[in-house]
Amino acid sequence: MDAFPWGVVIIGGPILLGAALVWAKLRSAKADRQADPDTPADDPSKGM
């Protein structure tokens, strides 16, 4: 039972990190669309 907290950290940490990255990417994309809705998503001025 001593390994239980470390198992949660090892397995849960990357899951939480991935969820945070996905959430941040979605928020960023939404903000970009609101800031300049007429620019297409694949425009070079968008950075990609």
PDB file of N, CA and C in Angstrom:
ATOM      1  N   MET A   1       0.815  -1.191   0.000  1.00  0.00           N
ATOM      2  CA  MET A   1       0.000   0.000   0.000  1.00  0.00           C
ATOM      3  C   MET A   1       0.864   1.262   0.000  1.00  0.00           C
ATOM      4  N   ASP A   2       2.167   1.125   0.279  1.00  0.00           N
ATOM      5  CA  ASP A   2       3.049   2.296   0.269  1.00  0.00           C
ATOM      6  C   ASP A   2       3.239   2.856  -1.142  1.00  0.00           C
ATOM      7  N   ALA A   3       3.063   2.036  -2.157  1.00  0.00           N
ATOM      8  CA  ALA A   3       3.273   2.491  -3.531  1.00  0.00           C
ATOM      9  C   ALA A   3       2.052   3.222  -4.088  1.00  0.00           C
ATOM     10  N   PHE A   4       0.929   3.170  -3.409  1.00  0.00           N
ATOM     11  CA  PHE A   4      -0.307   3.745  -3.944  1.00  0.00           C
ATOM     12  C   PHE A   4      -0.182   5.232  -4.301  1.00  0.00           C
ATOM     13  N   PRO A   5       0.309   6.102  -3.420  1.00  0.00           N
ATOM     14  CA  PRO A   5       0.372   7.522  -3.806  1.00  0.00           C
ATOM     15  C   PRO A   5       1.281   7.772  -5.003  1.00  0.00           C
ATOM     16  N   TRP A   6       2.368   7.030  -5.098  1.00  0.00           N
ATOM     17  CA  TRP A   6       3.276   7.227  -6.227  1.00  0.00           C
ATOM     18  C   TRP A   6       2.667   6.735  -7.525  1.00  0.00           C
ATOM     19  N   GLY A   7       1.873   5.689  -7.443  1.00  0.00           N
ATOM     20  CA  GLY A   7       1.175   5.220  -8.648  1.00  0.00           C
ATOM     21  C   GLY A   7       0.221   6.263  -9.187  1.00  0.00           C
ATOM     22  N   VAL A   8      -0.466   6.957  -8.291  1.00  0.00           N
ATOM     23  CA  VAL A   8      -1.378   8.023  -8.712  1.00  0.00           C
ATOM     24  C   VAL A   8      -0.588   9.165  -9.352  1.00  0.00           C
ATOM     25  N   VAL A   9       0.545   9.509  -8.778  1.00  0.00           N
ATOM     26  CA  VAL A   9       1.368  10.591  -9.327  1.00  0.00           C
ATOM     27  C   VAL A   9       1.914  10.208 -10.700  1.00  0.00           C
ATOM     28  N   ILE A  10       2.428   8.996 -10.823  1.00  0.00           N
ATOM     29  CA  ILE A  10       3.048   8.563 -12.079  1.00  0.00           C
ATOM     30  C   ILE A  10       2.017   8.423 -13.193  1.00  0.00           C
ATOM     31  N   ILE A  11       0.847   7.913 -12.882  1.00  0.00           N
ATOM     32  CA  ILE A  11      -0.179   7.719 -13.908  1.00  0.00           C
ATOM     33  C   ILE A  11      -1.019   8.978 -14.091  1.00  0.00           C
ATOM     34  N   GLY A  12      -1.396   9.631 -13.016  1.00  0.00           N
ATOM     35  CA  GLY A  12      -2.275  10.786 -13.090  1.00  0.00           C
ATOM     36  C   GLY A  12      -1.593  12.057 -13.564  1.00  0.00           C
ATOM     37  N   GLY A  13      -0.313  12.201 -13.281  1.00  0.00           N
ATOM     38  CA  GLY A  13       0.411  13.405 -13.685  1.00  0.00           C
ATOM     39  C   GLY A  13       0.395  13.645 -15.185  1.00  0.00           C
ATOM     40  N   PRO A  14       0.825  12.673 -15.987  1.00  0.00           N
ATOM     41  CA  PRO A  14       0.789  12.874 -17.442  1.00  0.00           C
ATOM     42  C   PRO A  14      -0.626  13.062 -17.990  1.00  0.00           C
ATOM     43  N   ILE A  15      -1.598  12.413 -17.370  1.00  0.00           N
ATOM     44  CA  ILE A  15      -2.984  12.582 -17.821  1.00  0.00           C
ATOM     45  C   ILE A  15      -3.442  14.016 -17.561  1.00  0.00           C
ATOM     46  N   LEU A  16      -3.163  14.539 -16.374  1.00  0.00           N
ATOM     47  CA  LEU A  16      -3.527  15.922 -16.067  1.00  0.00           C
ATOM     48  C   LEU A  16      -2.765  16.915 -16.941  1.00  0.00           C
ATOM     49  N   LEU A  17      -1.500  16.652 -17.196  1.00  0.00           N
ATOM     50  CA  LEU A  17      -0.712  17.526 -18.053  1.00  0.00           C
ATOM     51  C   LEU A  17      -1.287  17.541 -19.469  1.00  0.00           C
ATOM     52  N   GLY A  18      -1.604  16.373 -19.997  1.00  0.00           N
ATOM     53  CA  GLY A  18      -2.196  16.294 -21.336  1.00  0.00           C
ATOM     54  C   GLY A  18      -3.525  17.023 -21.404  1.00  0.00           C
ATOM     55  N   ALA A  19      -4.360  16.846 -20.386  1.00  0.00           N
ATOM     56  CA  ALA A  19      -5.662  17.530 -20.357  1.00  0.00           C
ATOM     57  C   ALA A  19      -5.468  19.045 -20.316  1.00  0.00           C
ATOM     58  N   ALA A  20      -4.503  19.514 -19.544  1.00  0.00           N
ATOM     59  CA  ALA A  20      -4.240  20.955 -19.460  1.00  0.00           C
ATOM     60  C   ALA A  20      -3.746  21.498 -20.797  1.00  0.00           C
ATOM     61  N   LEU A  21      -2.902  20.740 -21.490  1.00  0.00           N
ATOM     62  CA  LEU A  21      -2.401  21.190 -22.792  1.00  0.00           C
ATOM     63  C   LEU A  21      -3.516  21.254 -23.825  1.00  0.00           C
ATOM     64  N   VAL A  22      -4.387  20.257 -23.839  1.00  0.00           N
ATOM     65  CA  VAL A  22      -5.522  20.257 -24.776  1.00  0.00           C
ATOM     66  C   VAL A  22      -6.439  21.438 -24.486  1.00  0.00           C
ATOM     67  N   TRP A  23      -6.732  21.667 -23.205  1.00  0.00           N
ATOM     68  CA  TRP A  23      -7.600  22.780 -22.814  1.00  0.00           C
ATOM     69  C   TRP A  23      -6.991  24.116 -23.246  1.00  0.00           C
ATOM     70  N   ALA A  24      -5.690  24.287 -23.032  1.00  0.00           N
ATOM     71  CA  ALA A  24      -5.020  25.536 -23.404  1.00  0.00           C
ATOM     72  C   ALA A  24      -5.033  25.731 -24.915  1.00  0.00           C
ATOM     73  N   LYS A  25      -4.821  24.662 -25.670  1.00  0.00           N
ATOM     74  CA  LYS A  25      -4.831  24.759 -27.131  1.00  0.00           C
ATOM     75  C   LYS A  25      -6.217  25.152 -27.640  1.00  0.00           C
ATOM     76  N   LEU A  26      -7.255  24.556 -27.069  1.00  0.00           N
ATOM     77  CA  LEU A  26      -8.615  24.893 -27.488  1.00  0.00           C
ATOM     78  C   LEU A  26      -8.955  26.346 -27.142  1.00  0.00           C
ATOM     79  N   ARG A  27      -8.543  26.800 -25.957  1.00  0.00           N
ATOM     80  CA  ARG A  27      -8.787  28.199 -25.572  1.00  0.00           C
ATOM     81  C   ARG A  27      -8.045  29.157 -26.491  1.00  0.00           C
ATOM     82  N   SER A  28      -6.818  28.810 -26.830  1.00  0.00           N
ATOM     83  CA  SER A  28      -6.019  29.660 -27.698  1.00  0.00           C
ATOM     84  C   SER A  28      -6.632  29.744 -29.094  1.00  0.00           C
ATOM     85  N   ALA A  29      -7.081  28.625 -29.619  1.00  0.00           N
ATOM     86  CA  ALA A  29      -7.696  28.610 -30.947  1.00  0.00           C
ATOM     87  C   ALA A  29      -8.973  29.453 -30.951  1.00  0.00           C
ATOM     88  N   LYS A  30      -9.759  29.353 -29.893  1.00  0.00           N
ATOM     89  CA  LYS A  30     -10.989  30.130 -29.794  1.00  0.00           C
ATOM     90  C   LYS A  30     -10.669  31.622 -29.755  1.00  0.00           C
ATOM     91  N   ALA A  31      -9.659  32.007 -28.982  1.00  0.00           N
ATOM     92  CA  ALA A  31      -9.267  33.416 -28.894  1.00  0.00           C
ATOM     93  C   ALA A  31      -8.773  33.924 -30.239  1.00  0.00           C
ATOM     94  N   ASP A  32      -8.031  33.101 -30.976  1.00  0.00           N
ATOM     95  CA  ASP A  32      -7.535  33.502 -32.295  1.00  0.00           C
ATOM     96  C   ASP A  32      -8.696  33.735 -33.263  1.00  0.00           C
ATOM     97  N   ARG A  33      -9.687  32.861 -33.224  1.00  0.00           N
ATOM     98  CA  ARG A  33     -10.841  33.013 -34.114  1.00  0.00           C
ATOM     99  C   ARG A  33     -11.635  34.271 -33.779  1.00  0.00           C
ATOM    100  N   GLN A  34     -11.741  34.585 -32.494  1.00  0.00           N
ATOM    101  CA  GLN A  34     -12.493  35.774 -32.092  1.00  0.00           C
ATOM    102  C   GLN A  34     -11.733  37.054 -32.432  1.00  0.00           C
ATOM    103  N   ALA A  35     -10.422  37.026 -32.353  1.00  0.00           N
ATOM    104  CA  ALA A  35      -9.619  38.217 -32.606  1.00  0.00           C
ATOM    105  C   ALA A  35      -9.642  38.600 -34.078  1.00  0.00           C
ATOM    106  N   ASP A  36      -9.648  37.617 -34.977  1.00  0.00           N
ATOM    107  CA  ASP A  36      -9.615  37.896 -36.413  1.00  0.00           C
ATOM    108  C   ASP A  36     -10.422  36.830 -37.145  1.00  0.00           C
ATOM    109  N   PRO A  37     -11.748  36.926 -37.132  1.00  0.00           N
ATOM    110  CA  PRO A  37     -12.578  35.866 -37.703  1.00  0.00           C
ATOM    111  C   PRO A  37     -12.502  35.757 -39.221  1.00  0.00           C
ATOM    112  N   ASP A  38     -12.050  36.813 -39.917  1.00  0.00           N
ATOM    113  CA  ASP A  38     -12.019  36.769 -41.380  1.00  0.00           C
ATOM    114  C   ASP A  38     -10.762  36.119 -41.942  1.00  0.00           C
ATOM    115  N   THR A  39      -9.752  35.904 -41.110  1.00  0.00           N
ATOM    116  CA  THR A  39      -8.510  35.282 -41.571  1.00  0.00           C
ATOM    117  C   THR A  39      -8.658  33.764 -41.529  1.00  0.00           C
ATOM    118  N   PRO A  40      -8.390  33.066 -42.643  1.00  0.00           N
ATOM    119  CA  PRO A  40      -8.503  31.602 -42.620  1.00  0.00           C
ATOM    120  C   PRO A  40      -7.510  30.957 -41.658  1.00  0.00           C
ATOM    121  N   ALA A  41      -7.853  29.781 -41.170  1.00  0.00           N
ATOM    122  CA  ALA A  41      -7.025  29.108 -40.173  1.00  0.00           C
ATOM    123  C   ALA A  41      -5.644  28.750 -40.708  1.00  0.00           C
ATOM    124  N   ASP A  42      -5.503  28.509 -42.015  1.00  0.00           N
ATOM    125  CA  ASP A  42      -4.212  28.102 -42.574  1.00  0.00           C
ATOM    126  C   ASP A  42      -3.409  29.291 -43.126  1.00  0.00           C
ATOM    127  N   ASP A  43      -3.802  30.498 -42.805  1.00  0.00           N
ATOM    128  CA  ASP A  43      -3.073  31.684 -43.252  1.00  0.00           C
ATOM    129  C   ASP A  43      -1.688  31.722 -42.602  1.00  0.00           C
ATOM    130  N   PRO A  44      -0.633  32.021 -43.381  1.00  0.00           N
ATOM    131  CA  PRO A  44       0.716  32.064 -42.796  1.00  0.00           C
ATOM    132  C   PRO A  44       0.864  33.088 -41.677  1.00  0.00           C
ATOM    133  N   SER A  45       0.054  34.120 -41.665  1.00  0.00           N
ATOM    134  CA  SER A  45       0.153  35.121 -40.612  1.00  0.00           C
ATOM    135  C   SER A  45      -0.293  34.576 -39.260  1.00  0.00           C
ATOM    136  N   LYS A  46      -0.972  33.430 -39.247  1.00  0.00           N
ATOM    137  CA  LYS A  46      -1.405  32.797 -38.009  1.00  0.00           C
ATOM    138  C   LYS A  46      -0.267  32.008 -37.361  1.00  0.00           C
ATOM    139  N   GLY A  47       0.840  31.820 -38.065  1.00  0.00           N
ATOM    140  CA  GLY A  47       1.990  31.140 -37.490  1.00  0.00           C
ATOM    141  C   GLY A  47       2.114  29.690 -37.886  1.00  0.00           C
ATOM    142  N   MET A  48       1.180  29.146 -38.616  1.00  0.00           N
ATOM    143  CA  MET A  48       1.288  27.753 -39.060  1.00  0.00           C
ATOM    144  C   MET A  48       0.764  27.626 -40.457  1.00  0.00           C
TER     145      MET A  48
END
